[in-house]
Amino acid sequence: MRAIVQLTAQHVHEAVGQAPTGTQPAALGAVDSSSAGGTSAGSSSAGTVAQLRAQVERVQGRRLDAPVLPVHPAIASLLPGGGLRPGSAYSLPRSTSVLLALLAQPSQAGSWCGVIGMPRLGAEAAEGLGVDLSRLVLIPDPGARWLAVTSTVAEVLPVVAVRPSGRAADGEISRLAARLRDRGAVLLVQGPWPQAEAVIEVGEPTWEGVGRGHGYLSGREVTLTSSSRRWPRSRRARVMLPDAAGHVSAAPERMRTVEAMPAESAESFPHLIRAVG
């Protein structure tokens, strides 16, 4: 097992002493249509779109076409853009397996990941689900100032996961959101979070390998549901979390057996025939 970095709140105490700051986004201004004068309709439309795009990107603090951090193909369809969007926050259930499944691909791709406020997170389980432990930083007990610690860690790590230990003020959440946009960091929150890019829920768990009251558990199949303001309807995916090898994978499609109708039942239906014409 590779080395894993573990910090305490004291390591970030001095940096946490300052409240997170961020540039307030400028208001979205009106587009100057006069600049398109004397050009064709196509050129005017292209120029207007480009100007609007530049203003939106300036307000959001990130490019709209910026590449996302990769995730496992089995859960990519649950995230807008097919991955974790830099500068965004995601609301997750209190499921360690779901969190580790999201951290696996970014850490393997070279992104450092921080986990805050989860003292029971096991390194062996993280490695089993594909997390690169050499790029994982743990802060098990951030104390009462968990939000300030999270904001400080987001300054240096591209992916930060946190389990809040209390409620945060709206102003502090807004400042953290501004810092995420400024640094291009991804925030994974185990619990509700305002203005989340996506909200993921887990349900309908079923275990495999038990048989008729005996055997060994070989895998767990769950349904992941994702809702986002970018989609008109929520999305669902059936995932093995974990599968027989201890990894995350797409659940196999199961064929539903169609039972033939018994002959007696078929004969019991009345045959109503009426001549027409």
Protein backbone atom coordinates (compact mmCIF):
# COMPACT_ATOMS: atom_id res chain seq x y z
CA MET A 1 0.00 0.00 0.00
CA ARG A 2 1.35 3.38 -0.98
CA ALA A 3 1.87 6.27 1.39
CA ILE A 4 -1.03 8.50 2.27
CA VAL A 5 -0.87 12.08 3.52
CA GLN A 6 -2.83 12.85 6.67
CA LEU A 7 -3.09 16.32 8.17
CA THR A 8 -4.69 17.85 11.21
CA ALA A 9 -6.44 21.16 11.53
CA GLN A 10 -3.28 22.63 13.10
CA HIS A 11 -1.43 22.30 9.80
CA VAL A 12 -3.80 24.79 8.20
CA HIS A 13 -4.52 26.94 11.26
CA GLU A 14 -2.47 29.95 10.16
CA ALA A 15 -3.87 29.89 6.65
CA VAL A 16 -7.40 29.55 7.98
CA GLY A 17 -7.00 32.66 10.09
CA GLN A 18 -7.98 34.81 7.12
CA ALA A 19 -11.49 34.61 5.80
CA PRO A 20 -11.74 33.43 2.20
CA THR A 21 -11.95 36.23 -0.26
CA GLY A 22 -12.96 36.30 -3.86
CA THR A 23 -13.66 38.83 -6.54
CA GLN A 24 -17.32 39.57 -6.77
CA PRO A 25 -18.57 38.80 -10.28
CA ALA A 26 -19.45 41.76 -12.38
CA ALA A 27 -23.01 42.18 -13.51
CA LEU A 28 -23.86 40.82 -16.92
CA GLY A 29 -23.96 43.86 -19.15
CA ALA A 30 -26.04 44.46 -22.22
CA VAL A 31 -24.59 43.56 -25.59
CA ASP A 32 -23.74 46.52 -27.80
CA SER A 33 -25.57 45.77 -31.02
CA SER A 34 -24.18 48.87 -32.72
CA SER A 35 -20.79 47.20 -33.07
CA ALA A 36 -22.33 44.84 -35.61
CA GLY A 37 -23.42 47.61 -37.92
CA GLY A 38 -22.45 47.27 -41.55
CA THR A 39 -21.91 43.52 -41.32
CA SER A 40 -23.98 40.62 -42.55
CA ALA A 41 -26.61 38.98 -40.35
CA GLY A 42 -24.44 35.90 -39.89
CA SER A 43 -21.41 37.91 -38.75
CA SER A 44 -23.57 39.99 -36.43
CA SER A 45 -25.03 36.88 -34.81
CA ALA A 46 -21.61 35.29 -34.38
CA GLY A 47 -20.22 38.45 -32.83
CA THR A 48 -23.14 38.73 -30.43
CA VAL A 49 -22.74 35.11 -29.31
CA ALA A 50 -19.01 35.56 -28.81
CA GLN A 51 -19.58 38.71 -26.74
CA LEU A 52 -22.21 37.02 -24.58
CA ARG A 53 -19.96 34.00 -24.12
CA ALA A 54 -17.07 36.20 -22.96
CA GLN A 55 -19.31 37.98 -20.45
CA VAL A 56 -20.71 34.72 -19.04
CA GLU A 57 -17.22 33.25 -18.72
CA ARG A 58 -16.03 36.37 -16.93
CA VAL A 59 -18.95 36.19 -14.48
CA GLN A 60 -18.57 32.47 -13.81
CA GLY A 61 -14.79 32.61 -13.57
CA ARG A 62 -14.27 29.66 -15.92
CA ARG A 63 -14.56 28.78 -19.58
CA LEU A 64 -17.81 27.14 -20.61
CA ASP A 65 -15.91 24.63 -22.74
CA ALA A 66 -13.21 23.94 -20.13
CA PRO A 67 -12.34 20.24 -19.87
CA VAL A 68 -13.88 18.31 -17.00
CA LEU A 69 -12.05 15.98 -14.65
CA PRO A 70 -12.62 12.36 -15.70
CA VAL A 71 -14.81 9.93 -13.79
CA HIS A 72 -15.54 6.24 -14.24
CA PRO A 73 -17.54 5.55 -17.43
CA ALA A 74 -20.23 3.82 -15.35
CA ILE A 75 -21.14 7.13 -13.66
CA ALA A 76 -20.10 9.65 -16.34
CA SER A 77 -23.66 9.95 -17.68
CA LEU A 78 -24.81 11.20 -14.26
CA LEU A 79 -22.68 14.36 -14.44
CA PRO A 80 -23.16 17.37 -16.74
CA GLY A 81 -20.39 17.27 -19.31
CA GLY A 82 -19.53 13.68 -18.39
CA GLY A 83 -17.17 14.61 -15.55
CA LEU A 84 -16.41 16.92 -12.64
CA ARG A 85 -16.52 20.53 -13.79
CA PRO A 86 -13.75 22.76 -12.31
CA GLY A 87 -15.15 25.54 -10.13
CA SER A 88 -18.32 23.59 -9.29
CA ALA A 89 -19.79 21.89 -6.22
CA TYR A 90 -21.63 18.56 -6.09
CA SER A 91 -24.04 17.28 -3.44
CA LEU A 92 -23.54 13.61 -2.57
CA PRO A 93 -25.20 11.13 -0.22
CA ARG A 94 -23.35 10.00 2.91
CA SER A 95 -21.99 7.03 1.03
CA THR A 96 -18.24 6.43 1.17
CA SER A 97 -18.43 4.18 -1.88
CA VAL A 98 -19.99 6.90 -4.05
CA LEU A 99 -17.40 9.43 -2.92
CA LEU A 100 -14.45 7.11 -3.58
CA ALA A 101 -15.88 6.19 -6.99
CA LEU A 102 -15.80 9.88 -7.93
CA LEU A 103 -12.26 10.40 -6.57
CA ALA A 104 -10.74 7.39 -8.33
CA GLN A 105 -10.32 8.66 -11.89
CA PRO A 106 -9.21 12.23 -11.00
CA SER A 107 -6.51 10.88 -8.67
CA GLN A 108 -5.33 8.40 -11.30
CA ALA A 109 -5.18 11.22 -13.84
CA GLY A 110 -2.81 13.17 -11.58
CA SER A 111 -5.15 15.41 -9.56
CA TRP A 112 -4.54 15.71 -5.81
CA CYS A 113 -7.65 15.02 -3.72
CA GLY A 114 -8.40 16.13 -0.18
CA VAL A 115 -10.95 14.53 2.16
CA ILE A 116 -12.06 16.58 5.17
CA GLY A 117 -14.11 15.51 8.19
CA MET A 118 -14.28 11.74 7.51
CA PRO A 119 -12.20 10.01 10.20
CA ARG A 120 -13.55 6.55 9.34
CA LEU A 121 -12.58 6.62 5.69
CA GLY A 122 -10.36 3.58 5.12
CA ALA A 123 -7.27 3.77 2.95
CA GLU A 124 -7.63 0.13 1.93
CA ALA A 125 -11.20 0.68 0.74
CA ALA A 126 -10.12 3.81 -1.14
CA GLU A 127 -7.35 1.96 -2.93
CA GLY A 128 -9.71 -0.92 -3.70
CA LEU A 129 -12.08 1.42 -5.54
CA GLY A 130 -9.20 2.88 -7.56
CA VAL A 131 -8.09 5.95 -5.59
CA ASP A 132 -4.36 6.72 -5.94
CA LEU A 133 -3.28 6.98 -2.31
CA SER A 134 -0.11 8.86 -3.25
CA ARG A 135 -2.37 11.78 -4.26
CA LEU A 136 -4.79 11.63 -1.35
CA VAL A 137 -4.71 14.04 1.62
CA LEU A 138 -6.82 13.30 4.71
CA ILE A 139 -7.87 15.83 7.34
CA PRO A 140 -10.01 13.64 9.64
CA ASP A 141 -10.96 16.28 12.24
CA PRO A 142 -11.11 19.88 10.99
CA GLY A 143 -12.93 21.05 14.12
CA ALA A 144 -15.68 23.64 14.20
CA ARG A 145 -14.03 25.66 11.43
CA TRP A 146 -14.53 22.98 8.80
CA LEU A 147 -15.64 25.48 6.18
CA ALA A 148 -12.54 27.65 6.62
CA VAL A 149 -10.33 24.56 6.42
CA THR A 150 -12.15 23.47 3.26
CA SER A 151 -11.65 26.89 1.69
CA THR A 152 -7.93 26.82 2.50
CA VAL A 153 -7.44 23.31 1.10
CA ALA A 154 -9.27 24.35 -2.08
CA GLU A 155 -6.49 26.89 -2.62
CA VAL A 156 -3.97 24.14 -3.36
CA LEU A 157 -5.89 20.94 -4.22
CA PRO A 158 -8.03 20.58 -7.36
CA VAL A 159 -10.54 18.17 -5.75
CA VAL A 160 -11.85 18.60 -2.19
CA ALA A 161 -14.41 16.39 -0.44
CA VAL A 162 -15.99 17.36 2.86
CA ARG A 163 -18.59 16.11 5.31
CA PRO A 164 -19.96 19.24 7.02
CA SER A 165 -20.12 19.10 10.80
CA GLY A 166 -22.50 22.04 11.08
CA ARG A 167 -24.45 24.63 9.18
CA ALA A 168 -22.61 27.37 7.29
CA ALA A 169 -23.74 30.94 6.77
CA ASP A 170 -24.85 31.95 3.29
CA GLY A 171 -22.10 34.55 3.04
CA GLU A 172 -19.40 32.01 3.83
CA ILE A 173 -20.79 29.60 1.24
CA SER A 174 -20.79 32.38 -1.37
CA ARG A 175 -17.16 33.22 -0.60
CA LEU A 176 -16.20 29.57 -0.91
CA ALA A 177 -18.02 29.36 -4.25
CA ALA A 178 -16.05 32.36 -5.48
CA ARG A 179 -12.81 30.72 -4.40
CA LEU A 180 -13.71 27.50 -6.19
CA ARG A 181 -14.32 29.44 -9.40
CA ASP A 182 -11.12 31.40 -8.99
CA ARG A 183 -8.96 28.32 -8.38
CA GLY A 184 -10.86 25.94 -10.63
CA ALA A 185 -11.34 23.45 -7.79
CA VAL A 186 -14.08 20.84 -7.46
CA LEU A 187 -16.03 20.50 -4.20
CA LEU A 188 -17.76 17.24 -3.25
CA VAL A 189 -20.09 17.67 -0.28
CA GLN A 190 -21.67 14.79 1.60
CA GLY A 191 -25.00 16.46 2.25
CA PRO A 192 -27.18 19.24 0.83
CA TRP A 193 -25.38 22.15 -0.81
CA PRO A 194 -26.86 25.26 -2.45
CA GLN A 195 -26.36 25.81 -6.18
CA ALA A 196 -24.83 22.37 -6.68
CA GLU A 197 -23.91 21.44 -10.24
CA ALA A 198 -25.57 18.06 -9.63
CA VAL A 199 -27.24 16.25 -6.74
CA ILE A 200 -26.56 12.51 -6.60
CA GLU A 201 -28.62 10.07 -4.54
CA VAL A 202 -28.21 6.33 -3.99
CA GLY A 203 -30.92 3.73 -3.48
CA GLU A 204 -32.33 0.28 -4.25
CA PRO A 205 -29.30 -1.72 -3.02
CA THR A 206 -29.15 -5.43 -3.73
CA TRP A 207 -26.39 -7.86 -2.77
CA GLU A 208 -25.10 -10.75 -4.85
CA GLY A 209 -23.57 -14.03 -3.75
CA VAL A 210 -25.80 -14.92 -0.80
CA GLY A 211 -27.86 -17.57 -2.56
CA ARG A 212 -30.55 -19.26 -0.49
CA GLY A 213 -29.40 -18.09 2.90
CA HIS A 214 -25.73 -18.97 2.54
CA GLY A 215 -22.68 -18.03 0.52
CA TYR A 216 -20.29 -15.07 0.24
CA LEU A 217 -21.20 -11.52 -0.70
CA SER A 218 -19.64 -10.86 -4.09
CA GLY A 219 -21.00 -7.45 -5.01
CA ARG A 220 -23.57 -4.75 -4.37
CA GLU A 221 -25.78 -3.26 -7.04
CA VAL A 222 -27.27 0.20 -6.47
CA THR A 223 -29.24 2.79 -8.39
CA LEU A 224 -27.62 6.22 -8.65
CA THR A 225 -29.97 9.11 -9.42
CA SER A 226 -28.64 12.50 -10.50
CA SER A 227 -30.56 15.76 -10.83
CA SER A 228 -29.12 18.97 -12.23
CA ARG A 229 -30.38 22.40 -13.19
CA ARG A 230 -28.92 21.70 -16.64
CA TRP A 231 -31.34 18.81 -17.26
CA PRO A 232 -35.13 18.82 -17.51
CA ARG A 233 -35.36 15.39 -15.85
CA SER A 234 -33.21 13.38 -13.46
CA ARG A 235 -30.97 10.59 -14.73
CA ARG A 236 -30.54 7.09 -13.35
CA ALA A 237 -27.84 4.45 -13.66
CA ARG A 238 -27.57 0.97 -12.21
CA VAL A 239 -24.01 0.48 -10.90
CA MET A 240 -22.03 -2.26 -9.17
CA LEU A 241 -20.56 -0.54 -6.12
CA PRO A 242 -18.49 -2.59 -5.55
CA ASP A 243 -18.43 -5.46 -8.04
CA ALA A 244 -16.96 -8.93 -7.46
CA ALA A 245 -13.42 -7.54 -7.88
CA GLY A 246 -14.05 -4.74 -5.38
CA HIS A 247 -14.21 -2.05 -8.07
CA VAL A 248 -16.94 0.12 -9.56
CA SER A 249 -18.56 -1.03 -12.79
CA ALA A 250 -21.81 -0.79 -14.73
CA ALA A 251 -24.42 -3.29 -13.62
CA PRO A 252 -25.16 -6.00 -16.19
CA GLU A 253 -28.45 -5.73 -17.99
CA ARG A 254 -30.85 -8.36 -16.79
CA MET A 255 -33.39 -10.01 -19.06
CA ARG A 256 -36.89 -10.09 -17.66
CA THR A 257 -38.61 -13.45 -18.03
CA VAL A 258 -41.99 -13.29 -19.73
CA GLU A 259 -44.27 -16.06 -18.57
CA ALA A 260 -46.67 -17.58 -21.08
CA MET A 261 -50.35 -17.30 -20.27
CA PRO A 262 -51.79 -20.64 -19.17
CA ALA A 263 -54.12 -22.26 -21.68
CA GLU A 264 -56.93 -22.33 -19.14
CA SER A 265 -56.69 -18.58 -18.59
CA ALA A 266 -56.63 -17.92 -22.32
CA GLU A 267 -59.77 -19.98 -22.86
CA SER A 268 -61.57 -18.18 -20.04
CA PHE A 269 -61.67 -14.88 -21.94
CA PRO A 270 -64.97 -14.40 -23.75
CA HIS A 271 -64.81 -14.23 -27.52
CA LEU A 272 -67.17 -11.47 -28.57
CA ILE A 273 -67.74 -11.46 -32.31
CA ARG A 274 -70.10 -9.12 -34.06
CA ALA A 275 -70.80 -8.91 -37.75
CA VAL A 276 -70.46 -5.47 -39.23
CA GLY A 277 -71.97 -4.33 -42.52
